[in-house]
Amino acid sequence: MLPATYHKFIDWIGDGTGLPDTILHIHAGMAVLMIARLLTRRSLGSFVPWSFVVLAEAFNEVMDRLNFGSWRWEDTTSDVLNTLFWPTVICLGLRMRPMLLPRDAARVKMSETA
């Protein structure tokens, strides 16, 4: 019952926006990331907001599995990649930023003295 209701709700969102499933997954991943960031007050560079995206996407795919009665691997893989791509890039980019700052600061300092 819950998987069918959930799937109808997801279809309603898709029909209401007119956006393809791929774009909806990208937007959903970013929305969950930002909401998790606001609720937890943790940096986007921590894995806490990113974990919320992973959990939300896992829930979505399990609901799809229960609704359709089997895994649809091509669709599932595409959904996971589209949902997690930008949240992962943002999280890793912010985590790597401190490693890049000393190098950038040295470059700025050298250009100021030249």
PDB file of N, CA and C in Angstrom:
ATOM      1  N   MET A   1       0.823  -1.195   0.000  1.00  0.00           N
ATOM      2  CA  MET A   1       0.000   0.000   0.000  1.00  0.00           C
ATOM      3  C   MET A   1       0.869   1.262   0.000  1.00  0.00           C
ATOM      4  N   LEU A   2       1.822   1.352   0.922  1.00  0.00           N
ATOM      5  CA  LEU A   2       2.692   2.529   0.986  1.00  0.00           C
ATOM      6  C   LEU A   2       3.507   2.705  -0.291  1.00  0.00           C
ATOM      7  N   PRO A   3       4.122   1.648  -0.842  1.00  0.00           N
ATOM      8  CA  PRO A   3       4.874   1.848  -2.090  1.00  0.00           C
ATOM      9  C   PRO A   3       4.014   2.380  -3.235  1.00  0.00           C
ATOM     10  N   ALA A   4       2.793   1.897  -3.365  1.00  0.00           N
ATOM     11  CA  ALA A   4       1.911   2.366  -4.440  1.00  0.00           C
ATOM     12  C   ALA A   4       1.530   3.829  -4.228  1.00  0.00           C
ATOM     13  N   THR A   5       1.238   4.208  -2.996  1.00  0.00           N
ATOM     14  CA  THR A   5       0.892   5.596  -2.684  1.00  0.00           C
ATOM     15  C   THR A   5       2.088   6.504  -2.934  1.00  0.00           C
ATOM     16  N   TYR A   6       3.256   6.057  -2.507  1.00  0.00           N
ATOM     17  CA  TYR A   6       4.483   6.824  -2.720  1.00  0.00           C
ATOM     18  C   TYR A   6       4.721   7.018  -4.223  1.00  0.00           C
ATOM     19  N   HIS A   7       4.569   5.955  -4.993  1.00  0.00           N
ATOM     20  CA  HIS A   7       4.795   6.035  -6.438  1.00  0.00           C
ATOM     21  C   HIS A   7       3.797   6.990  -7.101  1.00  0.00           C
ATOM     22  N   LYS A   8       2.549   6.977  -6.648  1.00  0.00           N
ATOM     23  CA  LYS A   8       1.545   7.911  -7.186  1.00  0.00           C
ATOM     24  C   LYS A   8       1.940   9.360  -6.878  1.00  0.00           C
ATOM     25  N   PHE A   9       2.457   9.581  -5.675  1.00  0.00           N
ATOM     26  CA  PHE A   9       2.907  10.920  -5.286  1.00  0.00           C
ATOM     27  C   PHE A   9       4.073  11.374  -6.170  1.00  0.00           C
ATOM     28  N   ILE A  10       5.023  10.493  -6.414  1.00  0.00           N
ATOM     29  CA  ILE A  10       6.171  10.807  -7.268  1.00  0.00           C
ATOM     30  C   ILE A  10       5.694  11.091  -8.701  1.00  0.00           C
ATOM     31  N   ASP A  11       4.784  10.284  -9.204  1.00  0.00           N
ATOM     32  CA  ASP A  11       4.218  10.524 -10.540  1.00  0.00           C
ATOM     33  C   ASP A  11       3.502  11.870 -10.592  1.00  0.00           C
ATOM     34  N   TRP A  12       2.790  12.224  -9.528  1.00  0.00           N
ATOM     35  CA  TRP A  12       2.083  13.498  -9.444  1.00  0.00           C
ATOM     36  C   TRP A  12       3.068  14.662  -9.536  1.00  0.00           C
ATOM     37  N   ILE A  13       4.205  14.546  -8.852  1.00  0.00           N
ATOM     38  CA  ILE A  13       5.239  15.590  -8.920  1.00  0.00           C
ATOM     39  C   ILE A  13       5.762  15.712 -10.353  1.00  0.00           C
ATOM     40  N   GLY A  14       6.084  14.564 -10.957  1.00  0.00           N
ATOM     41  CA  GLY A  14       6.583  14.575 -12.327  1.00  0.00           C
ATOM     42  C   GLY A  14       5.582  15.152 -13.306  1.00  0.00           C
ATOM     43  N   ASP A  15       4.324  14.754 -13.175  1.00  0.00           N
ATOM     44  CA  ASP A  15       3.284  15.265 -14.062  1.00  0.00           C
ATOM     45  C   ASP A  15       3.038  16.759 -13.832  1.00  0.00           C
ATOM     46  N   GLY A  16       3.092  17.160 -12.577  1.00  0.00           N
ATOM     47  CA  GLY A  16       2.839  18.568 -12.235  1.00  0.00           C
ATOM     48  C   GLY A  16       3.929  19.506 -12.708  1.00  0.00           C
ATOM     49  N   THR A  17       5.167  19.043 -12.673  1.00  0.00           N
ATOM     50  CA  THR A  17       6.269  19.909 -13.098  1.00  0.00           C
ATOM     51  C   THR A  17       6.547  19.788 -14.587  1.00  0.00           C
ATOM     52  N   GLY A  18       6.225  18.635 -15.159  1.00  0.00           N
ATOM     53  CA  GLY A  18       6.536  18.402 -16.557  1.00  0.00           C
ATOM     54  C   GLY A  18       7.994  18.096 -16.811  1.00  0.00           C
ATOM     55  N   LEU A  19       8.768  17.957 -15.726  1.00  0.00           N
ATOM     56  CA  LEU A  19      10.198  17.683 -15.869  1.00  0.00           C
ATOM     57  C   LEU A  19      10.454  16.188 -16.000  1.00  0.00           C
ATOM     58  N   PRO A  20      11.481  15.826 -16.749  1.00  0.00           N
ATOM     59  CA  PRO A  20      11.823  14.403 -16.843  1.00  0.00           C
ATOM     60  C   PRO A  20      12.374  13.884 -15.521  1.00  0.00           C
ATOM     61  N   ASP A  21      12.292  12.590 -15.348  1.00  0.00           N
ATOM     62  CA  ASP A  21      12.740  11.913 -14.130  1.00  0.00           C
ATOM     63  C   ASP A  21      14.188  12.248 -13.789  1.00  0.00           C
ATOM     64  N   THR A  22      15.028  12.340 -14.792  1.00  0.00           N
ATOM     65  CA  THR A  22      16.451  12.648 -14.581  1.00  0.00           C
ATOM     66  C   THR A  22      16.618  13.986 -13.879  1.00  0.00           C
ATOM     67  N   ILE A  23      15.947  14.997 -14.377  1.00  0.00           N
ATOM     68  CA  ILE A  23      16.047  16.344 -13.796  1.00  0.00           C
ATOM     69  C   ILE A  23      15.447  16.373 -12.395  1.00  0.00           C
ATOM     70  N   LEU A  24      14.359  15.663 -12.189  1.00  0.00           N
ATOM     71  CA  LEU A  24      13.746  15.610 -10.858  1.00  0.00           C
ATOM     72  C   LEU A  24      14.700  15.001  -9.839  1.00  0.00           C
ATOM     73  N   HIS A  25      15.453  13.986 -10.238  1.00  0.00           N
ATOM     74  CA  HIS A  25      16.424  13.388  -9.317  1.00  0.00           C
ATOM     75  C   HIS A  25      17.543  14.366  -8.981  1.00  0.00           C
ATOM     76  N   ILE A  26      17.996  15.127  -9.966  1.00  0.00           N
ATOM     77  CA  ILE A  26      19.038  16.127  -9.702  1.00  0.00           C
ATOM     78  C   ILE A  26      18.521  17.165  -8.710  1.00  0.00           C
ATOM     79  N   HIS A  27      17.325  17.683  -8.963  1.00  0.00           N
ATOM     80  CA  HIS A  27      16.743  18.691  -8.071  1.00  0.00           C
ATOM     81  C   HIS A  27      16.474  18.120  -6.678  1.00  0.00           C
ATOM     82  N   ALA A  28      15.967  16.902  -6.622  1.00  0.00           N
ATOM     83  CA  ALA A  28      15.670  16.290  -5.321  1.00  0.00           C
ATOM     84  C   ALA A  28      16.945  16.114  -4.507  1.00  0.00           C
ATOM     85  N   GLY A  29      18.015  15.664  -5.150  1.00  0.00           N
ATOM     86  CA  GLY A  29      19.287  15.496  -4.437  1.00  0.00           C
ATOM     87  C   GLY A  29      19.786  16.806  -3.854  1.00  0.00           C
ATOM     88  N   MET A  30      19.701  17.869  -4.647  1.00  0.00           N
ATOM     89  CA  MET A  30      20.155  19.176  -4.166  1.00  0.00           C
ATOM     90  C   MET A  30      19.233  19.725  -3.074  1.00  0.00           C
ATOM     91  N   ALA A  31      17.931  19.517  -3.227  1.00  0.00           N
ATOM     92  CA  ALA A  31      16.986  19.996  -2.213  1.00  0.00           C
ATOM     93  C   ALA A  31      17.204  19.281  -0.884  1.00  0.00           C
ATOM     94  N   VAL A  32      17.374  17.967  -0.932  1.00  0.00           N
ATOM     95  CA  VAL A  32      17.613  17.210   0.306  1.00  0.00           C
ATOM     96  C   VAL A  32      18.929  17.659   0.939  1.00  0.00           C
ATOM     97  N   LEU A  33      19.954  17.880   0.120  1.00  0.00           N
ATOM     98  CA  LEU A  33      21.247  18.337   0.647  1.00  0.00           C
ATOM     99  C   LEU A  33      21.093  19.672   1.378  1.00  0.00           C
ATOM    100  N   MET A  34      20.395  20.625   0.769  1.00  0.00           N
ATOM    101  CA  MET A  34      20.244  21.944   1.383  1.00  0.00           C
ATOM    102  C   MET A  34      19.369  21.901   2.637  1.00  0.00           C
ATOM    103  N   ILE A  35      18.299  21.127   2.586  1.00  0.00           N
ATOM    104  CA  ILE A  35      17.428  21.007   3.765  1.00  0.00           C
ATOM    105  C   ILE A  35      18.190  20.340   4.909  1.00  0.00           C
ATOM    106  N   ALA A  36      18.949  19.300   4.603  1.00  0.00           N
ATOM    107  CA  ALA A  36      19.749  18.631   5.638  1.00  0.00           C
ATOM    108  C   ALA A  36      20.795  19.578   6.207  1.00  0.00           C
ATOM    109  N   ARG A  37      21.376  20.406   5.365  1.00  0.00           N
ATOM    110  CA  ARG A  37      22.365  21.394   5.823  1.00  0.00           C
ATOM    111  C   ARG A  37      21.714  22.362   6.796  1.00  0.00           C
ATOM    112  N   LEU A  38      20.523  22.844   6.469  1.00  0.00           N
ATOM    113  CA  LEU A  38      19.830  23.794   7.341  1.00  0.00           C
ATOM    114  C   LEU A  38      19.391  23.154   8.652  1.00  0.00           C
ATOM    115  N   LEU A  39      18.864  21.934   8.576  1.00  0.00           N
ATOM    116  CA  LEU A  39      18.361  21.266   9.784  1.00  0.00           C
ATOM    117  C   LEU A  39      19.480  20.837  10.728  1.00  0.00           C
ATOM    118  N   THR A  40      20.565  20.353  10.172  1.00  0.00           N
ATOM    119  CA  THR A  40      21.660  19.845  11.017  1.00  0.00           C
ATOM    120  C   THR A  40      22.676  20.920  11.369  1.00  0.00           C
ATOM    121  N   ARG A  41      22.658  22.016  10.621  1.00  0.00           N
ATOM    122  CA  ARG A  41      23.636  23.094  10.795  1.00  0.00           C
ATOM    123  C   ARG A  41      25.071  22.619  10.584  1.00  0.00           C
ATOM    124  N   ARG A  42      25.215  21.566   9.839  1.00  0.00           N
ATOM    125  CA  ARG A  42      26.542  21.038   9.514  1.00  0.00           C
ATOM    126  C   ARG A  42      26.963  21.554   8.153  1.00  0.00           C
ATOM    127  N   SER A  43      28.243  21.713   7.970  1.00  0.00           N
ATOM    128  CA  SER A  43      28.795  22.185   6.707  1.00  0.00           C
ATOM    129  C   SER A  43      28.452  21.231   5.571  1.00  0.00           C
ATOM    130  N   LEU A  44      28.319  21.787   4.376  1.00  0.00           N
ATOM    131  CA  LEU A  44      28.126  20.942   3.202  1.00  0.00           C
ATOM    132  C   LEU A  44      29.372  20.103   2.930  1.00  0.00           C
ATOM    133  N   GLY A  45      30.488  20.475   3.544  1.00  0.00           N
ATOM    134  CA  GLY A  45      31.716  19.701   3.414  1.00  0.00           C
ATOM    135  C   GLY A  45      31.777  18.514   4.355  1.00  0.00           C
ATOM    136  N   SER A  46      30.853  18.442   5.293  1.00  0.00           N
ATOM    137  CA  SER A  46      30.807  17.257   6.160  1.00  0.00           C
ATOM    138  C   SER A  46      29.949  16.209   5.458  1.00  0.00           C
ATOM    139  N   PHE A  47      30.094  14.983   5.876  1.00  0.00           N
ATOM    140  CA  PHE A  47      29.319  13.930   5.232  1.00  0.00           C
ATOM    141  C   PHE A  47      27.906  13.797   5.813  1.00  0.00           C
ATOM    142  N   VAL A  48      27.550  14.637   6.777  1.00  0.00           N
ATOM    143  CA  VAL A  48      26.224  14.534   7.395  1.00  0.00           C
ATOM    144  C   VAL A  48      25.115  14.919   6.409  1.00  0.00           C
ATOM    145  N   PRO A  49      25.128  16.117   5.811  1.00  0.00           N
ATOM    146  CA  PRO A  49      24.074  16.426   4.835  1.00  0.00           C
ATOM    147  C   PRO A  49      24.086  15.464   3.643  1.00  0.00           C
ATOM    148  N   TRP A  50      25.268  15.092   3.189  1.00  0.00           N
ATOM    149  CA  TRP A  50      25.401  14.148   2.076  1.00  0.00           C
ATOM    150  C   TRP A  50      24.758  12.810   2.430  1.00  0.00           C
ATOM    151  N   SER A  51      24.907  12.371   3.685  1.00  0.00           N
ATOM    152  CA  SER A  51      24.313  11.109   4.125  1.00  0.00           C
ATOM    153  C   SER A  51      22.786  11.141   4.050  1.00  0.00           C
ATOM    154  N   PHE A  52      22.207  12.302   4.307  1.00  0.00           N
ATOM    155  CA  PHE A  52      20.753  12.437   4.177  1.00  0.00           C
ATOM    156  C   PHE A  52      20.317  12.203   2.736  1.00  0.00           C
ATOM    157  N   VAL A  53      21.117  12.690   1.790  1.00  0.00           N
ATOM    158  CA  VAL A  53      20.806  12.480   0.374  1.00  0.00           C
ATOM    159  C   VAL A  53      20.881  10.988   0.045  1.00  0.00           C
ATOM    160  N   VAL A  54      21.918  10.329   0.556  1.00  0.00           N
ATOM    161  CA  VAL A  54      22.076   8.890   0.318  1.00  0.00           C
ATOM    162  C   VAL A  54      20.880   8.131   0.896  1.00  0.00           C
ATOM    163  N   LEU A  55      20.494   8.469   2.113  1.00  0.00           N
ATOM    164  CA  LEU A  55      19.361   7.785   2.747  1.00  0.00           C
ATOM    165  C   LEU A  55      18.050   8.049   2.006  1.00  0.00           C
ATOM    166  N   ALA A  56      17.839   9.293   1.573  1.00  0.00           N
ATOM    167  CA  ALA A  56      16.609   9.624   0.843  1.00  0.00           C
ATOM    168  C   ALA A  56      16.558   8.865  -0.479  1.00  0.00           C
ATOM    169  N   GLU A  57      17.679   8.793  -1.178  1.00  0.00           N
ATOM    170  CA  GLU A  57      17.700   8.078  -2.451  1.00  0.00           C
ATOM    171  C   GLU A  57      17.537   6.577  -2.237  1.00  0.00           C
ATOM    172  N   ALA A  58      18.137   6.038  -1.179  1.00  0.00           N
ATOM    173  CA  ALA A  58      17.956   4.611  -0.880  1.00  0.00           C
ATOM    174  C   ALA A  58      16.484   4.315  -0.600  1.00  0.00           C
ATOM    175  N   PHE A  59      15.842   5.186   0.181  1.00  0.00           N
ATOM    176  CA  PHE A  59      14.414   5.023   0.460  1.00  0.00           C
ATOM    177  C   PHE A  59      13.616   5.046  -0.840  1.00  0.00           C
ATOM    178  N   ASN A  60      13.923   6.005  -1.713  1.00  0.00           N
ATOM    179  CA  ASN A  60      13.214   6.120  -2.990  1.00  0.00           C
ATOM    180  C   ASN A  60      13.363   4.846  -3.826  1.00  0.00           C
ATOM    181  N   GLU A  61      14.563   4.318  -3.891  1.00  0.00           N
ATOM    182  CA  GLU A  61      14.793   3.125  -4.714  1.00  0.00           C
ATOM    183  C   GLU A  61      14.162   1.873  -4.099  1.00  0.00           C
ATOM    184  N   VAL A  62      14.154   1.788  -2.781  1.00  0.00           N
ATOM    185  CA  VAL A  62      13.471   0.655  -2.132  1.00  0.00           C
ATOM    186  C   VAL A  62      11.966   0.739  -2.388  1.00  0.00           C
ATOM    187  N   MET A  63      11.412   1.949  -2.338  1.00  0.00           N
ATOM    188  CA  MET A  63       9.987   2.117  -2.643  1.00  0.00           C
ATOM    189  C   MET A  63       9.696   1.713  -4.089  1.00  0.00           C
ATOM    190  N   ASP A  64      10.586   2.091  -5.009  1.00  0.00           N
ATOM    191  CA  ASP A  64      10.420   1.656  -6.408  1.00  0.00           C
ATOM    192  C   ASP A  64      10.462   0.140  -6.511  1.00  0.00           C
ATOM    193  N   ARG A  65      11.402  -0.465  -5.823  1.00  0.00           N
ATOM    194  CA  ARG A  65      11.555  -1.932  -5.851  1.00  0.00           C
ATOM    195  C   ARG A  65      10.289  -2.611  -5.333  1.00  0.00           C
ATOM    196  N   LEU A  66       9.758  -2.115  -4.233  1.00  0.00           N
ATOM    197  CA  LEU A  66       8.547  -2.698  -3.661  1.00  0.00           C
ATOM    198  C   LEU A  66       7.334  -2.468  -4.562  1.00  0.00           C
ATOM    199  N   ASN A  67       7.282  -1.320  -5.203  1.00  0.00           N
ATOM    200  CA  ASN A  67       6.147  -1.006  -6.074  1.00  0.00           C
ATOM    201  C   ASN A  67       6.164  -1.849  -7.352  1.00  0.00           C
ATOM    202  N   PHE A  68       7.334  -1.995  -7.962  1.00  0.00           N
ATOM    203  CA  PHE A  68       7.421  -2.703  -9.244  1.00  0.00           C
ATOM    204  C   PHE A  68       7.650  -4.206  -9.090  1.00  0.00           C
ATOM    205  N   GLY A  69       8.034  -4.648  -7.895  1.00  0.00           N
ATOM    206  CA  GLY A  69       8.200  -6.077  -7.660  1.00  0.00           C
ATOM    207  C   GLY A  69       9.558  -6.633  -8.027  1.00  0.00           C
ATOM    208  N   SER A  70      10.422  -5.809  -8.605  1.00  0.00           N
ATOM    209  CA  SER A  70      11.788  -6.249  -8.915  1.00  0.00           C
ATOM    210  C   SER A  70      12.654  -5.009  -9.112  1.00  0.00           C
ATOM    211  N   TRP A  71      13.951  -5.237  -9.051  1.00  0.00           N
ATOM    212  CA  TRP A  71      14.875  -4.137  -9.328  1.00  0.00           C
ATOM    213  C   TRP A  71      14.886  -3.878 -10.820  1.00  0.00           C
ATOM    214  N   ARG A  72      14.881  -2.637 -11.193  1.00  0.00           N
ATOM    215  CA  ARG A  72      15.056  -2.228 -12.590  1.00  0.00           C
ATOM    216  C   ARG A  72      16.417  -1.537 -12.633  1.00  0.00           C
ATOM    217  N   TRP A  73      17.468  -2.334 -12.823  1.00  0.00           N
ATOM    218  CA  TRP A  73      18.841  -1.891 -12.587  1.00  0.00           C
ATOM    219  C   TRP A  73      19.251  -0.693 -13.420  1.00  0.00           C
ATOM    220  N   GLU A  74      18.856  -0.634 -14.672  1.00  0.00           N
ATOM    221  CA  GLU A  74      19.240   0.512 -15.505  1.00  0.00           C
ATOM    222  C   GLU A  74      18.647   1.800 -14.942  1.00  0.00           C
ATOM    223  N   ASP A  75      17.378   1.750 -14.582  1.00  0.00           N
ATOM    224  CA  ASP A  75      16.702   2.907 -14.003  1.00  0.00           C
ATOM    225  C   ASP A  75      17.271   3.248 -12.631  1.00  0.00           C
ATOM    226  N   THR A  76      17.495   2.227 -11.806  1.00  0.00           N
ATOM    227  CA  THR A  76      18.015   2.449 -10.454  1.00  0.00           C
ATOM    228  C   THR A  76      19.395   3.091 -10.507  1.00  0.00           C
ATOM    229  N   THR A  77      20.261   2.569 -11.362  1.00  0.00           N
ATOM    230  CA  THR A  77      21.617   3.115 -11.472  1.00  0.00           C
ATOM    231  C   THR A  77      21.581   4.566 -11.931  1.00  0.00           C
ATOM    232  N   SER A  78      20.773   4.850 -12.924  1.00  0.00           N
ATOM    233  CA  SER A  78      20.635   6.220 -13.420  1.00  0.00           C
ATOM    234  C   SER A  78      20.102   7.150 -12.326  1.00  0.00           C
ATOM    235  N   ASP A  79      19.094   6.701 -11.604  1.00  0.00           N
ATOM    236  CA  ASP A  79      18.516   7.517 -10.528  1.00  0.00           C
ATOM    237  C   ASP A  79      19.553   7.825  -9.454  1.00  0.00           C
ATOM    238  N   VAL A  80      20.301   6.817  -9.029  1.00  0.00           N
ATOM    239  CA  VAL A  80      21.306   7.004  -7.972  1.00  0.00           C
ATOM    240  C   VAL A  80      22.388   7.977  -8.442  1.00  0.00           C
ATOM    241  N   LEU A  81      22.891   7.790  -9.653  1.00  0.00           N
ATOM    242  CA  LEU A  81      23.941   8.678 -10.170  1.00  0.00           C
ATOM    243  C   LEU A  81      23.449  10.116 -10.298  1.00  0.00           C
ATOM    244  N   ASN A  82      22.249  10.301 -10.818  1.00  0.00           N
ATOM    245  CA  ASN A  82      21.717  11.655 -10.975  1.00  0.00           C
ATOM    246  C   ASN A  82      21.453  12.329  -9.636  1.00  0.00           C
ATOM    247  N   THR A  83      21.001  11.582  -8.668  1.00  0.00           N
ATOM    248  CA  THR A  83      20.687  12.156  -7.361  1.00  0.00           C
ATOM    249  C   THR A  83      21.952  12.502  -6.581  1.00  0.00           C
ATOM    250  N   LEU A  84      22.952  11.657  -6.650  1.00  0.00           N
ATOM    251  CA  LEU A  84      24.143  11.834  -5.813  1.00  0.00           C
ATOM    252  C   LEU A  84      25.275  12.626  -6.450  1.00  0.00           C
ATOM    253  N   PHE A  85      25.251  12.836  -7.764  1.00  0.00           N
ATOM    254  CA  PHE A  85      26.405  13.450  -8.432  1.00  0.00           C
ATOM    255  C   PHE A  85      26.766  14.816  -7.847  1.00  0.00           C
ATOM    256  N   TRP A  86      25.865  15.792  -7.928  1.00  0.00           N
ATOM    257  CA  TRP A  86      26.213  17.141  -7.464  1.00  0.00           C
ATOM    258  C   TRP A  86      26.390  17.239  -5.952  1.00  0.00           C
ATOM    259  N   PRO A  87      25.574  16.590  -5.132  1.00  0.00           N
ATOM    260  CA  PRO A  87      25.875  16.610  -3.698  1.00  0.00           C
ATOM    261  C   PRO A  87      27.268  16.042  -3.377  1.00  0.00           C
ATOM    262  N   THR A  88      27.681  15.008  -4.116  1.00  0.00           N
ATOM    263  CA  THR A  88      29.010  14.433  -3.902  1.00  0.00           C
ATOM    264  C   THR A  88      30.103  15.409  -4.336  1.00  0.00           C
ATOM    265  N   VAL A  89      29.927  16.034  -5.479  1.00  0.00           N
ATOM    266  CA  VAL A  89      30.908  17.014  -5.969  1.00  0.00           C
ATOM    267  C   VAL A  89      31.041  18.162  -4.981  1.00  0.00           C
ATOM    268  N   ILE A  90      29.934  18.673  -4.486  1.00  0.00           N
ATOM    269  CA  ILE A  90      29.963  19.783  -3.531  1.00  0.00           C
ATOM    270  C   ILE A  90      30.651  19.362  -2.239  1.00  0.00           C
ATOM    271  N   CYS A  91      30.261  18.220  -1.708  1.00  0.00           N
ATOM    272  CA  CYS A  91      30.849  17.739  -0.453  1.00  0.00           C
ATOM    273  C   CYS A  91      32.359  17.540  -0.590  1.00  0.00           C
ATOM    274  N   LEU A  92      32.782  16.846  -1.622  1.00  0.00           N
ATOM    275  CA  LEU A  92      34.211  16.585  -1.805  1.00  0.00           C
ATOM    276  C   LEU A  92      34.975  17.863  -2.127  1.00  0.00           C
ATOM    277  N   GLY A  93      34.378  18.748  -2.915  1.00  0.00           N
ATOM    278  CA  GLY A  93      35.029  20.016  -3.230  1.00  0.00           C
ATOM    279  C   GLY A  93      35.283  20.849  -1.988  1.00  0.00           C
ATOM    280  N   LEU A  94      34.296  20.921  -1.116  1.00  0.00           N
ATOM    281  CA  LEU A  94      34.478  21.687   0.120  1.00  0.00           C
ATOM    282  C   LEU A  94      35.439  21.000   1.084  1.00  0.00           C
ATOM    283  N   ARG A  95      35.462  19.692   1.073  1.00  0.00           N
ATOM    284  CA  ARG A  95      36.407  18.963   1.933  1.00  0.00           C
ATOM    285  C   ARG A  95      37.842  19.154   1.447  1.00  0.00           C
ATOM    286  N   MET A  96      38.035  19.280   0.145  1.00  0.00           N
ATOM    287  CA  MET A  96      39.379  19.432  -0.415  1.00  0.00           C
ATOM    288  C   MET A  96      39.859  20.883  -0.384  1.00  0.00           C
ATOM    289  N   ARG A  97      38.971  21.810  -0.185  1.00  0.00           N
ATOM    290  CA  ARG A  97      39.308  23.229  -0.211  1.00  0.00           C
ATOM    291  C   ARG A  97      40.446  23.607   0.730  1.00  0.00           C
ATOM    292  N   PRO A  98      40.464  23.135   1.980  1.00  0.00           N
ATOM    293  CA  PRO A  98      41.587  23.500   2.858  1.00  0.00           C
ATOM    294  C   PRO A  98      42.950  23.037   2.314  1.00  0.00           C
ATOM    295  N   MET A  99      42.974  21.958   1.579  1.00  0.00           N
ATOM    296  CA  MET A  99      44.235  21.482   1.013  1.00  0.00           C
ATOM    297  C   MET A  99      44.715  22.423  -0.091  1.00  0.00           C
ATOM    298  N   LEU A 100      43.787  23.079  -0.768  1.00  0.00           N
ATOM    299  CA  LEU A 100      44.135  23.953  -1.881  1.00  0.00           C
ATOM    300  C   LEU A 100      44.414  25.385  -1.445  1.00  0.00           C
ATOM    301  N   LEU A 101      43.873  25.805  -0.296  1.00  0.00           N
ATOM    302  CA  LEU A 101      44.025  27.190   0.145  1.00  0.00           C
ATOM    303  C   LEU A 101      45.470  27.612   0.361  1.00  0.00           C
ATOM    304  N   PRO A 102      46.321  26.830   1.030  1.00  0.00           N
ATOM    305  CA  PRO A 102      47.707  27.282   1.218  1.00  0.00           C
ATOM    306  C   PRO A 102      48.412  27.529  -0.118  1.00  0.00           C
ATOM    307  N   ARG A 103      48.176  26.673  -1.088  1.00  0.00           N
ATOM    308  CA  ARG A 103      48.791  26.827  -2.409  1.00  0.00           C
ATOM    309  C   ARG A 103      48.271  28.104  -3.075  1.00  0.00           C
ATOM    310  N   ASP A 104      46.961  28.353  -2.983  1.00  0.00           N
ATOM    311  CA  ASP A 104      46.383  29.554  -3.577  1.00  0.00           C
ATOM    312  C   ASP A 104      46.881  30.806  -2.877  1.00  0.00           C
ATOM    313  N   ALA A 105      46.998  30.759  -1.555  1.00  0.00           N
ATOM    314  CA  ALA A 105      47.480  31.908  -0.794  1.00  0.00           C
ATOM    315  C   ALA A 105      48.923  32.234  -1.182  1.00  0.00           C
ATOM    316  N   ALA A 106      49.737  31.201  -1.382  1.00  0.00           N
ATOM    317  CA  ALA A 106      51.130  31.427  -1.779  1.00  0.00           C
ATOM    318  C   ALA A 106      51.185  32.054  -3.170  1.00  0.00           C
ATOM    319  N   ARG A 107      50.327  31.620  -4.068  1.00  0.00           N
ATOM    320  CA  ARG A 107      50.282  32.172  -5.419  1.00  0.00           C
ATOM    321  C   ARG A 107      49.892  33.655  -5.385  1.00  0.00           C
ATOM    322  N   VAL A 108      48.902  33.992  -4.568  1.00  0.00           N
ATOM    323  CA  VAL A 108      48.454  35.376  -4.459  1.00  0.00           C
ATOM    324  C   VAL A 108      49.577  36.228  -3.889  1.00  0.00           C
ATOM    325  N   LYS A 109      50.257  35.715  -2.885  1.00  0.00           N
ATOM    326  CA  LYS A 109      51.342  36.455  -2.239  1.00  0.00           C
ATOM    327  C   LYS A 109      52.471  36.721  -3.235  1.00  0.00           C
ATOM    328  N   MET A 110      52.806  35.715  -4.046  1.00  0.00           N
ATOM    329  CA  MET A 110      53.877  35.862  -5.032  1.00  0.00           C
ATOM    330  C   MET A 110      53.485  36.883  -6.096  1.00  0.00           C
ATOM    331  N   SER A 111      52.226  36.896  -6.513  1.00  0.00           N
ATOM    332  CA  SER A 111      51.804  37.837  -7.548  1.00  0.00           C
ATOM    333  C   SER A 111      51.756  39.265  -7.003  1.00  0.00           C
ATOM    334  N   GLU A 112      51.517  39.428  -5.712  1.00  0.00           N
ATOM    335  CA  GLU A 112      51.492  40.756  -5.105  1.00  0.00           C
ATOM    336  C   GLU A 112      52.891  41.344  -5.004  1.00  0.00           C
ATOM    337  N   THR A 113      53.895  40.503  -4.803  1.00  0.00           N
ATOM    338  CA  THR A 113      55.269  41.004  -4.669  1.00  0.00           C
ATOM    339  C   THR A 113      55.925  41.235  -6.021  1.00  0.00           C
ATOM    340  N   ALA A 114      55.361  40.696  -7.067  1.00  0.00           N
ATOM    341  CA  ALA A 114      55.987  40.835  -8.401  1.00  0.00           C
ATOM    342  C   ALA A 114      55.656  42.147  -9.058  1.00  0.00           C
TER     343      ALA A 114
END
